[in-house]
Amino acid sequence: MTGTTTHLEPRTRTRTERPKLYKVILLNDDFTPRDFVVKVLKAVFGMSLDEAYTVMLTAHQRGACVVAVYTFEIAETKCARANEMGVSAGFPLTFTSERED
């Protein structure tokens, strides 16, 4: 061989970053009927009756409860839909979302 050397470049791999997750939180209020909260949890979040009742009671006892964890767009959409159901029924039902650490 004639004095030729080959240098290999290190390969760089790109990894797609996992999307940030957001918690949907149900805030307790003393005006929205429990049955209505359960109805919203079932309709918007696809919970069973038992799951919805447990989440509603946890929010009632502790002041707030994490309902589910989603990507940003899904969390915001579900919060908006649930809050709209409360407003259209005349209740101060409030769902919010915050980034999960």
N, C-alpha and C. Protein backbone atom coordinates (compact mmCIF):
# COMPACT_ATOMS: atom_id res chain seq x y z
N MET A 1 0.84 -1.17 0.00
CA MET A 1 0.00 0.00 0.00
C MET A 1 0.89 1.24 0.00
N THR A 2 0.36 2.24 -0.57
CA THR A 2 1.10 3.49 -0.65
C THR A 2 0.72 4.38 0.50
N GLY A 3 1.33 4.74 1.38
CA GLY A 3 1.18 5.59 2.54
C GLY A 3 -0.16 6.28 2.76
N THR A 4 -1.26 5.70 2.33
CA THR A 4 -2.58 6.29 2.52
C THR A 4 -3.17 5.78 3.83
N THR A 5 -3.67 6.71 4.64
CA THR A 5 -4.32 6.31 5.88
C THR A 5 -5.77 6.75 5.85
N THR A 6 -6.58 5.97 6.46
CA THR A 6 -8.00 6.27 6.51
C THR A 6 -8.38 6.66 7.93
N HIS A 7 -9.05 7.80 8.04
CA HIS A 7 -9.53 8.26 9.35
C HIS A 7 -11.04 8.12 9.37
N LEU A 8 -11.53 7.44 10.38
CA LEU A 8 -12.97 7.27 10.52
C LEU A 8 -13.52 8.39 11.39
N GLU A 9 -14.57 9.01 10.89
CA GLU A 9 -15.26 10.05 11.65
C GLU A 9 -16.22 9.37 12.62
N PRO A 10 -16.32 9.87 13.85
CA PRO A 10 -17.30 9.27 14.77
C PRO A 10 -18.72 9.56 14.28
N ARG A 11 -19.56 8.58 14.40
CA ARG A 11 -20.95 8.75 13.98
C ARG A 11 -21.71 9.52 15.04
N THR A 12 -22.53 10.42 14.59
CA THR A 12 -23.39 11.14 15.53
C THR A 12 -24.81 10.64 15.32
N ARG A 13 -25.42 10.30 16.39
CA ARG A 13 -26.80 9.84 16.33
C ARG A 13 -27.71 10.93 16.85
N THR A 14 -28.77 11.15 16.15
CA THR A 14 -29.75 12.12 16.64
C THR A 14 -30.89 11.35 17.26
N ARG A 15 -31.28 11.77 18.40
CA ARG A 15 -32.41 11.15 19.09
C ARG A 15 -33.54 12.15 19.16
N THR A 16 -34.71 11.67 18.89
CA THR A 16 -35.86 12.55 19.03
C THR A 16 -36.18 12.68 20.51
N GLU A 17 -36.42 13.88 20.92
CA GLU A 17 -36.71 14.14 22.33
C GLU A 17 -38.15 13.74 22.63
N ARG A 18 -38.32 13.12 23.76
CA ARG A 18 -39.68 12.75 24.19
C ARG A 18 -40.46 14.03 24.46
N PRO A 19 -41.74 14.04 24.08
CA PRO A 19 -42.52 15.25 24.34
C PRO A 19 -42.70 15.49 25.83
N LYS A 20 -42.75 16.75 26.20
CA LYS A 20 -42.99 17.11 27.60
C LYS A 20 -44.42 16.72 27.96
N LEU A 21 -44.60 16.28 29.18
CA LEU A 21 -45.92 15.86 29.63
C LEU A 21 -46.52 16.89 30.58
N TYR A 22 -47.85 16.98 30.55
CA TYR A 22 -48.58 17.94 31.37
C TYR A 22 -49.66 17.23 32.15
N LYS A 23 -49.79 17.62 33.43
CA LYS A 23 -50.82 17.05 34.31
C LYS A 23 -52.09 17.87 34.15
N VAL A 24 -53.20 17.18 34.03
CA VAL A 24 -54.52 17.84 34.06
C VAL A 24 -55.00 17.73 35.50
N ILE A 25 -55.33 18.88 36.08
CA ILE A 25 -55.68 18.94 37.51
C ILE A 25 -57.11 19.44 37.67
N LEU A 26 -57.88 18.74 38.47
CA LEU A 26 -59.23 19.15 38.84
C LEU A 26 -59.15 19.93 40.14
N LEU A 27 -59.67 21.15 40.12
CA LEU A 27 -59.69 21.98 41.33
C LEU A 27 -61.06 21.87 41.99
N ASN A 28 -61.07 21.77 43.29
CA ASN A 28 -62.32 21.64 44.03
C ASN A 28 -63.02 23.00 44.16
N ASP A 29 -64.34 22.96 44.08
CA ASP A 29 -65.14 24.13 44.44
C ASP A 29 -66.35 23.61 45.21
N ASP A 30 -67.00 24.49 45.95
CA ASP A 30 -68.11 24.07 46.79
C ASP A 30 -69.47 24.26 46.14
N PHE A 31 -69.48 24.53 44.83
CA PHE A 31 -70.74 24.83 44.17
C PHE A 31 -71.14 23.81 43.10
N THR A 32 -70.18 23.17 42.48
CA THR A 32 -70.49 22.20 41.42
C THR A 32 -70.93 20.88 42.04
N PRO A 33 -72.09 20.38 41.63
CA PRO A 33 -72.57 19.10 42.18
C PRO A 33 -71.62 17.94 41.84
N ARG A 34 -71.50 17.03 42.77
CA ARG A 34 -70.61 15.88 42.59
C ARG A 34 -70.99 15.06 41.36
N ASP A 35 -72.28 14.86 41.16
CA ASP A 35 -72.72 14.07 40.01
C ASP A 35 -72.31 14.70 38.69
N PHE A 36 -72.32 16.03 38.64
CA PHE A 36 -71.91 16.71 37.42
C PHE A 36 -70.41 16.53 37.18
N VAL A 37 -69.61 16.61 38.23
CA VAL A 37 -68.16 16.41 38.10
C VAL A 37 -67.88 15.01 37.58
N VAL A 38 -68.56 14.02 38.11
CA VAL A 38 -68.40 12.64 37.65
C VAL A 38 -68.80 12.52 36.18
N LYS A 39 -69.88 13.18 35.80
CA LYS A 39 -70.34 13.16 34.41
C LYS A 39 -69.27 13.73 33.48
N VAL A 40 -68.64 14.84 33.86
CA VAL A 40 -67.60 15.46 33.04
C VAL A 40 -66.37 14.56 32.96
N LEU A 41 -65.97 13.98 34.07
CA LEU A 41 -64.81 13.08 34.07
C LEU A 41 -65.03 11.88 33.16
N LYS A 42 -66.23 11.35 33.17
CA LYS A 42 -66.55 10.22 32.30
C LYS A 42 -66.56 10.65 30.84
N ALA A 43 -67.17 11.80 30.54
CA ALA A 43 -67.34 12.24 29.15
C ALA A 43 -66.02 12.69 28.53
N VAL A 44 -65.25 13.47 29.25
CA VAL A 44 -64.05 14.07 28.67
C VAL A 44 -62.83 13.16 28.79
N PHE A 45 -62.70 12.49 29.92
CA PHE A 45 -61.49 11.71 30.18
C PHE A 45 -61.70 10.20 30.04
N GLY A 46 -62.90 9.78 29.69
CA GLY A 46 -63.17 8.37 29.43
C GLY A 46 -63.02 7.47 30.64
N MET A 47 -63.32 8.01 31.81
CA MET A 47 -63.20 7.22 33.04
C MET A 47 -64.44 6.37 33.27
N SER A 48 -64.26 5.31 34.03
CA SER A 48 -65.40 4.53 34.47
C SER A 48 -66.07 5.28 35.62
N LEU A 49 -67.24 4.83 36.00
CA LEU A 49 -67.96 5.48 37.10
C LEU A 49 -67.14 5.46 38.38
N ASP A 50 -66.53 4.32 38.69
CA ASP A 50 -65.74 4.20 39.91
C ASP A 50 -64.50 5.10 39.89
N GLU A 51 -63.81 5.14 38.75
CA GLU A 51 -62.63 5.99 38.64
C GLU A 51 -63.00 7.46 38.79
N ALA A 52 -64.05 7.87 38.11
CA ALA A 52 -64.49 9.27 38.16
C ALA A 52 -64.90 9.65 39.58
N TYR A 53 -65.60 8.77 40.26
CA TYR A 53 -66.05 9.05 41.62
C TYR A 53 -64.84 9.19 42.56
N THR A 54 -63.84 8.33 42.39
CA THR A 54 -62.64 8.38 43.22
C THR A 54 -61.88 9.69 42.99
N VAL A 55 -61.72 10.10 41.73
CA VAL A 55 -61.03 11.36 41.43
C VAL A 55 -61.80 12.54 42.01
N MET A 56 -63.11 12.53 41.85
CA MET A 56 -63.94 13.62 42.37
C MET A 56 -63.80 13.72 43.89
N LEU A 57 -63.84 12.59 44.58
CA LEU A 57 -63.72 12.61 46.05
C LEU A 57 -62.32 13.07 46.49
N THR A 58 -61.30 12.65 45.79
CA THR A 58 -59.94 13.07 46.12
C THR A 58 -59.81 14.58 45.97
N ALA A 59 -60.34 15.14 44.89
CA ALA A 59 -60.30 16.60 44.70
C ALA A 59 -61.09 17.30 45.79
N HIS A 60 -62.22 16.73 46.17
CA HIS A 60 -63.06 17.32 47.21
C HIS A 60 -62.35 17.34 48.56
N GLN A 61 -61.66 16.26 48.88
CA GLN A 61 -61.00 16.15 50.18
C GLN A 61 -59.68 16.91 50.25
N ARG A 62 -58.94 16.95 49.15
CA ARG A 62 -57.60 17.55 49.16
C ARG A 62 -57.53 18.92 48.51
N GLY A 63 -58.59 19.32 47.83
CA GLY A 63 -58.60 20.62 47.18
C GLY A 63 -58.24 20.58 45.71
N ALA A 64 -57.53 19.54 45.29
CA ALA A 64 -57.16 19.37 43.89
C ALA A 64 -56.75 17.92 43.69
N CYS A 65 -56.80 17.48 42.43
CA CYS A 65 -56.44 16.09 42.13
C CYS A 65 -55.95 16.01 40.69
N VAL A 66 -54.86 15.28 40.48
CA VAL A 66 -54.38 15.05 39.12
C VAL A 66 -55.32 14.04 38.47
N VAL A 67 -55.89 14.44 37.35
CA VAL A 67 -56.83 13.59 36.64
C VAL A 67 -56.10 12.64 35.70
N ALA A 68 -55.16 13.19 34.91
CA ALA A 68 -54.42 12.39 33.95
C ALA A 68 -53.19 13.18 33.50
N VAL A 69 -52.32 12.52 32.75
CA VAL A 69 -51.11 13.15 32.22
C VAL A 69 -51.10 12.94 30.71
N TYR A 70 -50.91 14.05 29.97
CA TYR A 70 -50.94 14.03 28.51
C TYR A 70 -49.84 14.93 27.96
N THR A 71 -49.70 14.89 26.63
CA THR A 71 -48.85 15.88 25.97
C THR A 71 -49.58 17.22 26.05
N PHE A 72 -48.86 18.30 25.76
CA PHE A 72 -49.40 19.65 25.94
C PHE A 72 -50.72 19.86 25.21
N GLU A 73 -50.76 19.53 23.93
CA GLU A 73 -51.95 19.81 23.13
C GLU A 73 -53.17 19.05 23.64
N ILE A 74 -52.97 17.80 23.99
CA ILE A 74 -54.10 16.99 24.48
C ILE A 74 -54.56 17.51 25.84
N ALA A 75 -53.62 17.83 26.72
CA ALA A 75 -53.98 18.34 28.05
C ALA A 75 -54.77 19.63 27.94
N GLU A 76 -54.32 20.55 27.09
CA GLU A 76 -55.02 21.83 26.93
C GLU A 76 -56.41 21.63 26.33
N THR A 77 -56.52 20.73 25.38
CA THR A 77 -57.81 20.47 24.74
C THR A 77 -58.80 19.88 25.74
N LYS A 78 -58.36 18.93 26.53
CA LYS A 78 -59.25 18.30 27.50
C LYS A 78 -59.65 19.29 28.60
N CYS A 79 -58.72 20.13 29.04
CA CYS A 79 -59.05 21.16 30.04
C CYS A 79 -60.11 22.11 29.48
N ALA A 80 -59.91 22.55 28.27
CA ALA A 80 -60.85 23.49 27.66
C ALA A 80 -62.23 22.87 27.50
N ARG A 81 -62.27 21.62 27.06
CA ARG A 81 -63.55 20.94 26.88
C ARG A 81 -64.29 20.75 28.21
N ALA A 82 -63.55 20.33 29.24
CA ALA A 82 -64.16 20.12 30.55
C ALA A 82 -64.62 21.43 31.16
N ASN A 83 -63.80 22.48 31.04
CA ASN A 83 -64.19 23.80 31.57
C ASN A 83 -65.41 24.34 30.84
N GLU A 84 -65.48 24.10 29.54
CA GLU A 84 -66.63 24.56 28.76
C GLU A 84 -67.91 23.85 29.19
N MET A 85 -67.81 22.58 29.52
CA MET A 85 -69.00 21.85 30.01
C MET A 85 -69.49 22.49 31.31
N GLY A 86 -68.57 22.87 32.18
CA GLY A 86 -68.95 23.50 33.44
C GLY A 86 -69.60 24.85 33.22
N VAL A 87 -69.03 25.66 32.34
CA VAL A 87 -69.57 26.99 32.06
C VAL A 87 -70.94 26.89 31.42
N SER A 88 -71.10 25.96 30.46
CA SER A 88 -72.40 25.85 29.79
C SER A 88 -73.49 25.37 30.74
N ALA A 89 -73.10 24.65 31.81
CA ALA A 89 -74.08 24.21 32.80
C ALA A 89 -74.24 25.23 33.93
N GLY A 90 -73.43 26.29 33.92
CA GLY A 90 -73.55 27.33 34.93
C GLY A 90 -72.80 27.04 36.22
N PHE A 91 -71.77 26.18 36.14
CA PHE A 91 -70.99 25.84 37.33
C PHE A 91 -69.56 26.36 37.21
N PRO A 92 -68.92 26.65 38.34
CA PRO A 92 -67.53 27.14 38.30
C PRO A 92 -66.49 26.01 38.26
N LEU A 93 -66.84 24.89 37.66
CA LEU A 93 -65.93 23.75 37.55
C LEU A 93 -64.65 24.17 36.84
N THR A 94 -63.49 23.85 37.44
CA THR A 94 -62.22 24.31 36.87
C THR A 94 -61.22 23.17 36.76
N PHE A 95 -60.72 23.02 35.56
CA PHE A 95 -59.60 22.12 35.29
C PHE A 95 -58.45 22.98 34.82
N THR A 96 -57.25 22.62 35.19
CA THR A 96 -56.06 23.35 34.74
C THR A 96 -54.99 22.33 34.38
N SER A 97 -53.93 22.80 33.73
CA SER A 97 -52.83 21.89 33.41
C SER A 97 -51.51 22.55 33.80
N GLU A 98 -50.55 21.72 34.16
CA GLU A 98 -49.22 22.23 34.47
C GLU A 98 -48.21 21.18 34.05
N ARG A 99 -47.03 21.66 33.71
CA ARG A 99 -45.99 20.77 33.23
C ARG A 99 -45.54 19.81 34.33
N GLU A 100 -45.37 18.57 33.94
CA GLU A 100 -44.91 17.57 34.89
C GLU A 100 -43.39 17.64 34.97
N ASP A 101 -42.88 17.58 36.18
CA ASP A 101 -41.41 17.66 36.35
C ASP A 101 -40.75 16.34 36.16
